[in-house]
Amino acid sequence: MNRFVIITAGRTGSSYLQSMLDSHGDISCKGELLKTTEDRDISADAIDLYLDNTAFNKGKKVQGFKMLYYQFNHYKNFNLDAKYIHLLRRNLLRQYVSYLNAGKKKKWNSTKEEDKTNKPVEVNIDKFEKYKKSYYENRKKVERFLTGKEVLTVYYEELCFEEIQRFLGVGVEPLKTNLIKLNSMSLEDSIVNIKEIIKKYPEYGNIKDKTI
């Protein structure tokens, strides 16, 4: 099988993973093909034709793209015959802080150092609870869809690119990206009301974040 989909929530490092995989000599991995509501009626055959287009895949033998949870929810009867990489982030609080920062700066990824975040945000507990609820509801829908399919579940904090390359059936190569980590601050420095938040959610305080 030469098709794959990275399926994930936003702010999980999916652009980093997509960019790294796209640097492989045998892998073409692009961004969000099904980004708009107009895309929700596109057939699996149409997606296949698009992925087969050499202008898209540069003649590489394995083709894939990423799909966010909300895009999966918009898509009617999505069922592409493909391998699926389910990308998760263990630290949902970090994920939420990344979401807040990206929304403020309108920067979802970047190659420029000047785009880095250097200001902490305030986390509202009620809003975070709503975010968590929505996240887990969407994740359960995706996990039901993935049942019985060829799936590799990976975590942003522990990405193993050798494992992912083997799963996709390609030789193991060193991968690279020009993307930078937009928030390299510690969790403690990233949240204004960190004491209040860690008291409420101590489980997120000791999860080590990934350095890229």
C-alpha atoms as a PDB file:
ATOM      1  CA  MET A   1       0.000   0.000   0.000  1.00  0.00           C
ATOM      2  CA  ASN A   2       1.507   3.353  -1.026  1.00  0.00           C
ATOM      3  CA  ARG A   3      -1.017   5.679   0.614  1.00  0.00           C
ATOM      4  CA  PHE A   4      -0.981   7.076   4.144  1.00  0.00           C
ATOM      5  CA  VAL A   5      -2.770   9.695   6.200  1.00  0.00           C
ATOM      6  CA  ILE A   6      -1.512  11.481   9.303  1.00  0.00           C
ATOM      7  CA  ILE A   7      -4.678  11.908  11.351  1.00  0.00           C
ATOM      8  CA  THR A   8      -4.479  14.127  14.397  1.00  0.00           C
ATOM      9  CA  ALA A   9      -5.762  17.092  16.382  1.00  0.00           C
ATOM     10  CA  GLY A  10      -4.275  20.540  15.856  1.00  0.00           C
ATOM     11  CA  ARG A  11      -1.090  21.564  17.713  1.00  0.00           C
ATOM     12  CA  THR A  12       0.331  18.060  18.021  1.00  0.00           C
ATOM     13  CA  GLY A  13       3.458  18.584  15.922  1.00  0.00           C
ATOM     14  CA  SER A  14       1.769  17.402  12.733  1.00  0.00           C
ATOM     15  CA  SER A  15       3.469  20.015  10.516  1.00  0.00           C
ATOM     16  CA  TYR A  16       6.818  18.918  11.950  1.00  0.00           C
ATOM     17  CA  LEU A  17       6.059  15.258  11.232  1.00  0.00           C
ATOM     18  CA  GLN A  18       4.698  16.046   7.756  1.00  0.00           C
ATOM     19  CA  SER A  19       7.742  18.143   6.873  1.00  0.00           C
ATOM     20  CA  MET A  20      10.182  15.512   8.127  1.00  0.00           C
ATOM     21  CA  LEU A  21       8.506  12.730   6.154  1.00  0.00           C
ATOM     22  CA  ASP A  22       8.369  14.860   3.007  1.00  0.00           C
ATOM     23  CA  SER A  23      12.169  15.125   3.113  1.00  0.00           C
ATOM     24  CA  HIS A  24      12.484  11.350   2.568  1.00  0.00           C
ATOM     25  CA  GLY A  25      13.598  10.285  -0.894  1.00  0.00           C
ATOM     26  CA  ASP A  26      10.628   7.926  -1.332  1.00  0.00           C
ATOM     27  CA  ILE A  27       7.892   9.805   0.528  1.00  0.00           C
ATOM     28  CA  SER A  28       5.698  12.671  -0.600  1.00  0.00           C
ATOM     29  CA  CYS A  29       3.820  14.030   2.410  1.00  0.00           C
ATOM     30  CA  LYS A  30       1.774  17.174   2.001  1.00  0.00           C
ATOM     31  CA  GLY A  31      -0.429  19.276   4.249  1.00  0.00           C
ATOM     32  CA  GLU A  32      -4.177  19.440   4.697  1.00  0.00           C
ATOM     33  CA  LEU A  33      -5.785  18.368   1.423  1.00  0.00           C
ATOM     34  CA  LEU A  34      -9.300  18.482   2.847  1.00  0.00           C
ATOM     35  CA  LYS A  35      -9.127  21.847   4.531  1.00  0.00           C
ATOM     36  CA  THR A  36     -12.349  23.554   3.472  1.00  0.00           C
ATOM     37  CA  THR A  37     -15.984  22.584   3.825  1.00  0.00           C
ATOM     38  CA  GLU A  38     -16.165  22.393   0.003  1.00  0.00           C
ATOM     39  CA  ASP A  39     -13.826  19.387   0.175  1.00  0.00           C
ATOM     40  CA  ARG A  40     -16.247  17.269   2.195  1.00  0.00           C
ATOM     41  CA  ASP A  41     -17.831  15.623  -0.863  1.00  0.00           C
ATOM     42  CA  ILE A  42     -14.568  14.643  -2.601  1.00  0.00           C
ATOM     43  CA  SER A  43     -14.474  10.903  -3.278  1.00  0.00           C
ATOM     44  CA  ALA A  44     -11.673   8.546  -2.303  1.00  0.00           C
ATOM     45  CA  ASP A  45     -11.057   7.980  -6.035  1.00  0.00           C
ATOM     46  CA  ALA A  46     -10.534  11.720  -6.545  1.00  0.00           C
ATOM     47  CA  ILE A  47      -8.043  11.794  -3.667  1.00  0.00           C
ATOM     48  CA  ASP A  48      -6.209   8.852  -5.230  1.00  0.00           C
ATOM     49  CA  LEU A  49      -6.009  10.643  -8.577  1.00  0.00           C
ATOM     50  CA  TYR A  50      -4.626  13.727  -6.887  1.00  0.00           C
ATOM     51  CA  LEU A  51      -2.013  11.738  -4.968  1.00  0.00           C
ATOM     52  CA  ASP A  52      -1.010   9.971  -8.200  1.00  0.00           C
ATOM     53  CA  ASN A  53      -0.303  13.301  -9.891  1.00  0.00           C
ATOM     54  CA  THR A  54       3.474  13.592 -10.330  1.00  0.00           C
ATOM     55  CA  ALA A  55       3.235  17.377  -9.986  1.00  0.00           C
ATOM     56  CA  PHE A  56       2.084  16.650  -6.433  1.00  0.00           C
ATOM     57  CA  ASN A  57       4.188  13.656  -5.486  1.00  0.00           C
ATOM     58  CA  LYS A  58       7.402  14.403  -7.438  1.00  0.00           C
ATOM     59  CA  GLY A  59       7.447  10.790  -8.579  1.00  0.00           C
ATOM     60  CA  LYS A  60       7.958   9.447  -5.045  1.00  0.00           C
ATOM     61  CA  LYS A  61       6.547   5.983  -4.479  1.00  0.00           C
ATOM     62  CA  VAL A  62       4.691   6.615  -1.180  1.00  0.00           C
ATOM     63  CA  GLN A  63       2.182   9.467  -0.932  1.00  0.00           C
ATOM     64  CA  GLY A  64       0.362  10.908   2.024  1.00  0.00           C
ATOM     65  CA  PHE A  65      -1.177  13.959   3.636  1.00  0.00           C
ATOM     66  CA  LYS A  66      -2.466  15.074   7.001  1.00  0.00           C
ATOM     67  CA  MET A  67      -6.026  15.370   8.195  1.00  0.00           C
ATOM     68  CA  LEU A  68      -7.104  17.137  11.369  1.00  0.00           C
ATOM     69  CA  TYR A  69      -9.917  15.829  13.554  1.00  0.00           C
ATOM     70  CA  TYR A  70     -12.295  18.635  12.599  1.00  0.00           C
ATOM     71  CA  GLN A  71     -11.669  17.922   8.894  1.00  0.00           C
ATOM     72  CA  PHE A  72     -12.466  14.255   9.471  1.00  0.00           C
ATOM     73  CA  ASN A  73     -15.743  15.320  11.103  1.00  0.00           C
ATOM     74  CA  HIS A  74     -16.648  17.505   8.094  1.00  0.00           C
ATOM     75  CA  TYR A  75     -15.857  14.825   5.535  1.00  0.00           C
ATOM     76  CA  LYS A  76     -18.773  12.638   4.526  1.00  0.00           C
ATOM     77  CA  ASN A  77     -18.020   8.906   4.644  1.00  0.00           C
ATOM     78  CA  PHE A  78     -14.234   9.285   4.508  1.00  0.00           C
ATOM     79  CA  ASN A  79     -12.740   5.846   3.888  1.00  0.00           C
ATOM     80  CA  LEU A  80      -9.493   6.092   1.927  1.00  0.00           C
ATOM     81  CA  ASP A  81      -7.667   2.784   1.485  1.00  0.00           C
ATOM     82  CA  ALA A  82      -4.465   3.787   3.254  1.00  0.00           C
ATOM     83  CA  LYS A  83      -2.185   3.315   6.199  1.00  0.00           C
ATOM     84  CA  TYR A  84      -2.925   5.680   9.067  1.00  0.00           C
ATOM     85  CA  ILE A  85      -0.513   7.400  11.418  1.00  0.00           C
ATOM     86  CA  HIS A  86      -2.496   8.520  14.465  1.00  0.00           C
ATOM     87  CA  LEU A  87      -0.472  11.327  16.017  1.00  0.00           C
ATOM     88  CA  LEU A  88      -1.204  12.213  19.641  1.00  0.00           C
ATOM     89  CA  ARG A  89       0.313  14.514  22.216  1.00  0.00           C
ATOM     90  CA  ARG A  90       0.559  13.250  25.778  1.00  0.00           C
ATOM     91  CA  ASN A  91       0.495  16.706  27.321  1.00  0.00           C
ATOM     92  CA  LEU A  92      -2.917  18.131  26.455  1.00  0.00           C
ATOM     93  CA  LEU A  93      -2.186  21.250  28.496  1.00  0.00           C
ATOM     94  CA  ARG A  94       0.858  21.966  26.313  1.00  0.00           C
ATOM     95  CA  GLN A  95      -1.298  21.346  23.271  1.00  0.00           C
ATOM     96  CA  TYR A  96      -3.854  23.867  24.506  1.00  0.00           C
ATOM     97  CA  VAL A  97      -1.193  26.489  25.254  1.00  0.00           C
ATOM     98  CA  SER A  98       0.156  25.999  21.733  1.00  0.00           C
ATOM     99  CA  TYR A  99      -3.386  26.487  20.411  1.00  0.00           C
ATOM    100  CA  LEU A 100      -3.738  29.753  22.365  1.00  0.00           C
ATOM    101  CA  ASN A 101      -0.370  31.064  21.181  1.00  0.00           C
ATOM    102  CA  ALA A 102      -0.991  30.153  17.540  1.00  0.00           C
ATOM    103  CA  GLY A 103      -4.397  31.820  17.621  1.00  0.00           C
ATOM    104  CA  LYS A 104      -2.943  34.989  19.089  1.00  0.00           C
ATOM    105  CA  LYS A 105      -0.092  35.310  16.612  1.00  0.00           C
ATOM    106  CA  LYS A 106      -1.911  33.717  13.651  1.00  0.00           C
ATOM    107  CA  LYS A 107       1.197  31.578  13.155  1.00  0.00           C
ATOM    108  CA  TRP A 108       0.641  27.839  12.974  1.00  0.00           C
ATOM    109  CA  ASN A 109       4.188  26.988  11.905  1.00  0.00           C
ATOM    110  CA  SER A 110       7.249  28.897  10.749  1.00  0.00           C
ATOM    111  CA  THR A 111      10.888  28.694   9.689  1.00  0.00           C
ATOM    112  CA  LYS A 112      11.722  32.113  11.171  1.00  0.00           C
ATOM    113  CA  GLU A 113      13.226  32.607  14.631  1.00  0.00           C
ATOM    114  CA  GLU A 114      11.448  35.946  15.026  1.00  0.00           C
ATOM    115  CA  ASP A 115       8.103  34.117  15.023  1.00  0.00           C
ATOM    116  CA  LYS A 116       8.887  32.320  18.269  1.00  0.00           C
ATOM    117  CA  THR A 117       6.573  32.864  21.222  1.00  0.00           C
ATOM    118  CA  ASN A 118       8.145  34.625  24.197  1.00  0.00           C
ATOM    119  CA  LYS A 119       5.099  35.712  26.178  1.00  0.00           C
ATOM    120  CA  PRO A 120       3.148  33.489  28.596  1.00  0.00           C
ATOM    121  CA  VAL A 121      -0.608  33.077  28.313  1.00  0.00           C
ATOM    122  CA  GLU A 122      -3.341  32.810  30.925  1.00  0.00           C
ATOM    123  CA  VAL A 123      -5.236  29.526  30.928  1.00  0.00           C
ATOM    124  CA  ASN A 124      -8.928  29.740  31.775  1.00  0.00           C
ATOM    125  CA  ILE A 125      -9.959  26.493  33.449  1.00  0.00           C
ATOM    126  CA  ASP A 126     -13.532  26.491  32.088  1.00  0.00           C
ATOM    127  CA  LYS A 127     -12.317  27.040  28.522  1.00  0.00           C
ATOM    128  CA  PHE A 128      -9.665  24.353  28.911  1.00  0.00           C
ATOM    129  CA  GLU A 129     -12.304  21.925  30.161  1.00  0.00           C
ATOM    130  CA  LYS A 130     -14.414  22.626  27.053  1.00  0.00           C
ATOM    131  CA  TYR A 131     -11.341  22.112  24.874  1.00  0.00           C
ATOM    132  CA  LYS A 132     -10.584  18.783  26.592  1.00  0.00           C
ATOM    133  CA  LYS A 133     -14.176  17.585  26.195  1.00  0.00           C
ATOM    134  CA  SER A 134     -14.246  18.429  22.489  1.00  0.00           C
ATOM    135  CA  TYR A 135     -10.818  16.872  21.967  1.00  0.00           C
ATOM    136  CA  TYR A 136     -11.728  13.540  23.558  1.00  0.00           C
ATOM    137  CA  GLU A 137     -15.066  13.373  21.735  1.00  0.00           C
ATOM    138  CA  ASN A 138     -13.321  13.882  18.391  1.00  0.00           C
ATOM    139  CA  ARG A 139     -10.541  11.462  19.290  1.00  0.00           C
ATOM    140  CA  LYS A 140     -13.057   8.725  20.102  1.00  0.00           C
ATOM    141  CA  LYS A 141     -14.730   9.194  16.694  1.00  0.00           C
ATOM    142  CA  VAL A 142     -11.387   8.865  14.963  1.00  0.00           C
ATOM    143  CA  GLU A 143     -10.399   5.810  17.007  1.00  0.00           C
ATOM    144  CA  ARG A 144     -13.677   4.102  16.071  1.00  0.00           C
ATOM    145  CA  PHE A 145     -12.970   4.860  12.397  1.00  0.00           C
ATOM    146  CA  LEU A 146      -9.442   3.446  12.683  1.00  0.00           C
ATOM    147  CA  THR A 147     -10.599   0.138  14.167  1.00  0.00           C
ATOM    148  CA  GLY A 148      -9.581  -2.691  11.833  1.00  0.00           C
ATOM    149  CA  LYS A 149      -7.327  -0.474   9.708  1.00  0.00           C
ATOM    150  CA  GLU A 150      -3.540  -0.538   9.417  1.00  0.00           C
ATOM    151  CA  VAL A 151      -2.608   2.016  12.070  1.00  0.00           C
ATOM    152  CA  LEU A 152       0.511   3.236  13.797  1.00  0.00           C
ATOM    153  CA  THR A 153      -0.197   5.335  16.891  1.00  0.00           C
ATOM    154  CA  VAL A 154       2.637   7.693  17.775  1.00  0.00           C
ATOM    155  CA  TYR A 155       3.170  10.398  20.378  1.00  0.00           C
ATOM    156  CA  TYR A 156       4.751  13.757  19.616  1.00  0.00           C
ATOM    157  CA  GLU A 157       6.915  13.603  22.747  1.00  0.00           C
ATOM    158  CA  GLU A 158       8.407  10.249  21.692  1.00  0.00           C
ATOM    159  CA  LEU A 159       8.470  10.321  17.891  1.00  0.00           C
ATOM    160  CA  CYS A 160      10.589   7.528  16.419  1.00  0.00           C
ATOM    161  CA  PHE A 161      11.127   8.252  12.736  1.00  0.00           C
ATOM    162  CA  GLU A 162      12.759   4.887  12.096  1.00  0.00           C
ATOM    163  CA  GLU A 163       9.571   3.149  13.271  1.00  0.00           C
ATOM    164  CA  ILE A 164       7.411   5.407  11.084  1.00  0.00           C
ATOM    165  CA  GLN A 165       9.547   4.823   7.993  1.00  0.00           C
ATOM    166  CA  ARG A 166       9.401   1.062   8.497  1.00  0.00           C
ATOM    167  CA  PHE A 167       5.613   1.267   8.927  1.00  0.00           C
ATOM    168  CA  LEU A 168       5.369   3.087   5.574  1.00  0.00           C
ATOM    169  CA  GLY A 169       7.515   0.429   3.909  1.00  0.00           C
ATOM    170  CA  VAL A 170      10.471   2.605   2.936  1.00  0.00           C
ATOM    171  CA  GLY A 171      14.151   2.464   3.763  1.00  0.00           C
ATOM    172  CA  VAL A 172      15.306   4.295   6.861  1.00  0.00           C
ATOM    173  CA  GLU A 173      16.945   7.630   6.031  1.00  0.00           C
ATOM    174  CA  PRO A 174      17.954  10.673   8.089  1.00  0.00           C
ATOM    175  CA  LEU A 175      15.128  13.215   7.828  1.00  0.00           C
ATOM    176  CA  LYS A 176      15.194  17.003   8.086  1.00  0.00           C
ATOM    177  CA  THR A 177      12.950  20.039   8.390  1.00  0.00           C
ATOM    178  CA  ASN A 178      13.331  23.802   8.265  1.00  0.00           C
ATOM    179  CA  LEU A 179      10.502  24.323  10.739  1.00  0.00           C
ATOM    180  CA  ILE A 180      11.293  25.693  14.177  1.00  0.00           C
ATOM    181  CA  LYS A 181       9.614  25.031  17.506  1.00  0.00           C
ATOM    182  CA  LEU A 182       7.505  28.145  18.082  1.00  0.00           C
ATOM    183  CA  ASN A 183       7.398  27.799  21.866  1.00  0.00           C
ATOM    184  CA  SER A 184      10.610  26.550  23.434  1.00  0.00           C
ATOM    185  CA  MET A 185       9.741  27.905  26.894  1.00  0.00           C
ATOM    186  CA  SER A 186       9.113  25.519  29.762  1.00  0.00           C
ATOM    187  CA  LEU A 187       5.517  24.831  30.733  1.00  0.00           C
ATOM    188  CA  GLU A 188       6.087  26.872  33.908  1.00  0.00           C
ATOM    189  CA  ASP A 189       7.198  29.874  31.868  1.00  0.00           C
ATOM    190  CA  SER A 190       4.434  29.472  29.272  1.00  0.00           C
ATOM    191  CA  ILE A 191       1.469  29.987  31.615  1.00  0.00           C
ATOM    192  CA  VAL A 192       0.839  33.109  33.709  1.00  0.00           C
ATOM    193  CA  ASN A 193      -1.315  31.286  36.290  1.00  0.00           C
ATOM    194  CA  ILE A 194       0.813  28.120  36.342  1.00  0.00           C
ATOM    195  CA  LYS A 195       0.377  27.396  40.074  1.00  0.00           C
ATOM    196  CA  GLU A 196      -3.393  27.415  39.792  1.00  0.00           C
ATOM    197  CA  ILE A 197      -3.322  25.233  36.695  1.00  0.00           C
ATOM    198  CA  ILE A 198      -0.840  22.631  37.976  1.00  0.00           C
ATOM    199  CA  LYS A 199      -2.751  22.403  41.247  1.00  0.00           C
ATOM    200  CA  LYS A 200      -5.858  21.560  39.201  1.00  0.00           C
ATOM    201  CA  TYR A 201      -4.021  19.358  36.662  1.00  0.00           C
ATOM    202  CA  PRO A 202      -0.908  17.901  38.340  1.00  0.00           C
ATOM    203  CA  GLU A 203      -0.763  15.103  35.733  1.00  0.00           C
ATOM    204  CA  TYR A 204       0.537  17.537  33.114  1.00  0.00           C
ATOM    205  CA  GLY A 205       3.378  18.953  35.197  1.00  0.00           C
ATOM    206  CA  ASN A 206       5.913  16.160  34.692  1.00  0.00           C
ATOM    207  CA  ILE A 207       5.494  15.275  31.006  1.00  0.00           C
ATOM    208  CA  LYS A 208       8.679  16.163  29.168  1.00  0.00           C
ATOM    209  CA  ASP A 209       8.105  18.089  25.925  1.00  0.00           C
ATOM    210  CA  LYS A 210       9.876  17.300  22.667  1.00  0.00           C
ATOM    211  CA  THR A 211      12.847  19.396  21.568  1.00  0.00           C
ATOM    212  CA  ILE A 212      13.289  19.944  17.817  1.00  0.00           C
END
